[in-house]
N, C-alpha and C. Protein backbone atom coordinates (compact mmCIF):
# COMPACT_ATOMS: atom_id res chain seq x y z
N MET A 1 -29.89 41.83 -38.94
CA MET A 1 -28.79 42.87 -38.19
C MET A 1 -27.44 42.88 -38.35
N ALA A 2 -27.60 43.78 -39.17
CA ALA A 2 -26.04 44.96 -39.84
C ALA A 2 -26.56 46.18 -39.36
N ASP A 3 -27.18 46.35 -38.39
CA ASP A 3 -27.74 47.96 -38.23
C ASP A 3 -26.28 48.62 -37.08
N LYS A 4 -25.91 49.71 -36.69
CA LYS A 4 -25.36 49.67 -36.41
C LYS A 4 -25.68 50.03 -34.92
N TYR A 5 -26.46 49.58 -34.45
CA TYR A 5 -26.27 48.70 -32.99
C TYR A 5 -26.19 47.84 -33.16
N ALA A 6 -26.28 46.56 -33.61
CA ALA A 6 -25.75 45.23 -33.41
C ALA A 6 -24.25 44.59 -32.81
N LEU A 7 -23.60 46.00 -33.03
CA LEU A 7 -22.23 45.55 -32.29
C LEU A 7 -22.21 45.82 -30.71
N PHE A 8 -23.04 46.84 -30.51
CA PHE A 8 -23.20 46.59 -28.81
C PHE A 8 -24.78 45.68 -28.71
N ILE A 9 -25.40 45.97 -29.16
CA ILE A 9 -26.41 45.20 -28.60
C ILE A 9 -26.50 43.26 -28.45
N TRP A 10 -25.00 42.93 -29.05
CA TRP A 10 -25.22 41.32 -28.81
C TRP A 10 -24.26 40.88 -27.96
N PRO A 11 -22.93 41.82 -27.93
CA PRO A 11 -22.14 41.39 -26.86
C PRO A 11 -22.53 41.77 -25.68
N ALA A 12 -23.59 42.69 -25.53
CA ALA A 12 -24.27 43.15 -24.65
C ALA A 12 -25.33 42.22 -23.52
N TYR A 13 -25.25 41.52 -24.48
CA TYR A 13 -26.56 40.03 -24.48
C TYR A 13 -25.81 39.39 -23.83
N LEU A 14 -24.68 38.95 -24.23
CA LEU A 14 -23.92 37.40 -23.10
C LEU A 14 -23.33 38.07 -22.19
N VAL A 15 -22.87 39.65 -22.29
CA VAL A 15 -22.67 40.02 -21.01
C VAL A 15 -23.63 39.56 -19.89
N THR A 16 -24.63 39.56 -19.68
CA THR A 16 -25.96 39.86 -19.29
C THR A 16 -26.45 38.07 -19.35
N GLY A 17 -26.35 37.10 -20.03
CA GLY A 17 -26.12 36.07 -19.69
C GLY A 17 -25.13 35.39 -19.08
N VAL A 18 -24.17 35.53 -19.04
CA VAL A 18 -22.20 34.87 -18.43
C VAL A 18 -23.23 35.39 -17.04
N VAL A 19 -23.48 36.59 -16.79
CA VAL A 19 -24.00 37.80 -15.56
C VAL A 19 -25.14 36.66 -14.41
N PHE A 20 -25.74 36.35 -15.32
CA PHE A 20 -27.26 35.65 -14.52
C PHE A 20 -26.93 34.35 -14.43
N ALA A 21 -26.00 33.55 -15.32
CA ALA A 21 -25.73 32.18 -15.02
C ALA A 21 -24.85 32.13 -14.23
N ALA A 22 -23.73 33.55 -13.96
CA ALA A 22 -22.99 33.13 -12.67
C ALA A 22 -23.55 33.75 -11.08
N LEU A 23 -24.87 34.12 -11.43
CA LEU A 23 -25.86 34.66 -10.07
C LEU A 23 -26.53 33.46 -9.84
N ILE A 24 -27.32 32.76 -10.96
CA ILE A 24 -27.32 31.09 -10.43
C ILE A 24 -26.56 30.83 -9.70
N GLY A 25 -25.77 30.14 -10.35
CA GLY A 25 -23.97 29.42 -9.75
C GLY A 25 -23.98 29.33 -8.83
N LEU A 26 -23.83 30.63 -7.50
CA LEU A 26 -23.24 31.14 -7.02
C LEU A 26 -24.08 31.05 -5.79
N SER A 27 -25.67 31.60 -6.29
CA SER A 27 -27.03 31.35 -5.27
C SER A 27 -27.13 29.99 -4.89
N LEU A 28 -26.93 28.84 -6.04
CA LEU A 28 -27.08 27.56 -5.43
C LEU A 28 -26.29 26.76 -4.72
N SER A 29 -24.59 27.28 -4.97
CA SER A 29 -23.25 27.01 -4.13
C SER A 29 -23.68 27.57 -3.15
N HIS A 30 -23.93 28.32 -2.33
CA HIS A 30 -24.57 29.06 -1.00
C HIS A 30 -25.68 28.40 -0.92
N SER A 31 -26.63 28.17 -1.49
CA SER A 31 -27.72 27.43 -0.84
C SER A 31 -27.40 25.97 -0.11
N ARG A 32 -26.69 25.50 -1.00
CA ARG A 32 -25.65 23.79 -0.51
C ARG A 32 -25.20 24.21 0.81
N ARG A 33 -24.67 25.35 0.98
CA ARG A 33 -23.15 25.30 1.37
C ARG A 33 -24.31 25.24 3.04
N TRP A 34 -24.76 26.54 3.14
CA TRP A 34 -25.60 26.75 4.54
C TRP A 34 -26.63 26.16 4.93
N LYS A 35 -27.30 24.58 3.53
CA LYS A 35 -27.98 24.49 4.40
C LYS A 35 -27.74 22.45 4.65
N ARG A 36 -26.28 22.37 4.51
CA ARG A 36 -24.97 21.81 5.30
C ARG A 36 -25.07 21.86 6.80
N ARG A 37 -23.89 23.64 6.68
CA ARG A 37 -24.32 24.20 8.01
C ARG A 37 -25.37 23.87 9.02
N TYR A 38 -26.99 24.26 8.44
CA TYR A 38 -28.20 24.05 9.15
C TYR A 38 -28.13 23.08 9.51
N GLU A 39 -28.09 21.34 8.65
CA GLU A 39 -28.18 20.29 9.72
C GLU A 39 -26.77 20.00 10.54
N GLU A 40 -25.78 20.62 10.16
CA GLU A 40 -24.55 20.44 10.91
C GLU A 40 -24.99 20.83 12.01
N LEU A 41 -25.49 22.39 12.60
CA LEU A 41 -25.07 22.73 14.08
C LEU A 41 -26.68 22.42 14.49
N SER A 42 -28.21 21.81 14.06
CA SER A 42 -29.02 21.15 14.64
C SER A 42 -29.54 19.86 14.37
N GLY A 43 -28.39 19.11 14.45
CA GLY A 43 -27.39 18.10 14.59
C GLY A 43 -28.48 17.06 13.58
N LYS A 44 -29.11 17.61 12.43
CA LYS A 44 -30.12 16.51 11.38
C LYS A 44 -29.05 15.57 10.51
N ALA A 45 -29.79 14.59 10.40
CA ALA A 45 -28.95 14.02 9.19
C ALA A 45 -29.22 14.23 7.91
N PRO A 46 -28.03 14.44 6.98
CA PRO A 46 -28.06 14.65 5.84
C PRO A 46 -28.77 13.72 5.04
N ALA A 47 -30.06 14.72 4.37
CA ALA A 47 -30.37 13.77 3.05
C ALA A 47 -29.92 12.49 2.19
N ASP A 48 -29.36 12.28 2.53
CA ASP A 48 -28.39 11.08 1.21
C ASP A 48 -29.15 9.93 1.07
N PRO A 49 -29.39 9.13 0.23
CA PRO A 49 -30.16 7.91 0.71
C PRO A 49 -29.04 6.78 0.36
N ALA A 50 -27.58 7.23 -0.31
CA ALA A 50 -26.77 6.54 0.31
C ALA A 50 -26.14 6.29 1.76
N LYS A 51 -26.40 6.95 2.24
CA LYS A 51 -25.92 6.87 3.83
C LYS A 51 -27.07 6.02 4.26
N LYS A 52 -28.13 6.15 3.85
CA LYS A 52 -29.31 5.10 4.78
C LYS A 52 -28.32 3.69 5.03
N ALA A 53 -28.82 2.96 5.89
CA ALA A 53 -28.20 1.46 6.24
C ALA A 53 -29.51 0.61 5.24
N ALA A 54 -29.28 -0.46 5.17
CA ALA A 54 -30.23 -1.23 3.81
C ALA A 54 -30.94 -2.21 4.74
N PRO A 55 -32.23 -1.93 4.50
CA PRO A 55 -33.10 -2.67 5.71
C PRO A 55 -32.82 -4.65 5.46
């Protein structure tokens, strides 16, 4: 692992991993936001079992 390109390759892998993780996090965040917005506009109740009335 001590070849001349290791000083470039491993930080590049790290940056790529951080960017992928950020993209996944942002995608999930936006997905939740748009789902809530859709439920508000369509009048559908959120799918939260804690908010359902007990039988």
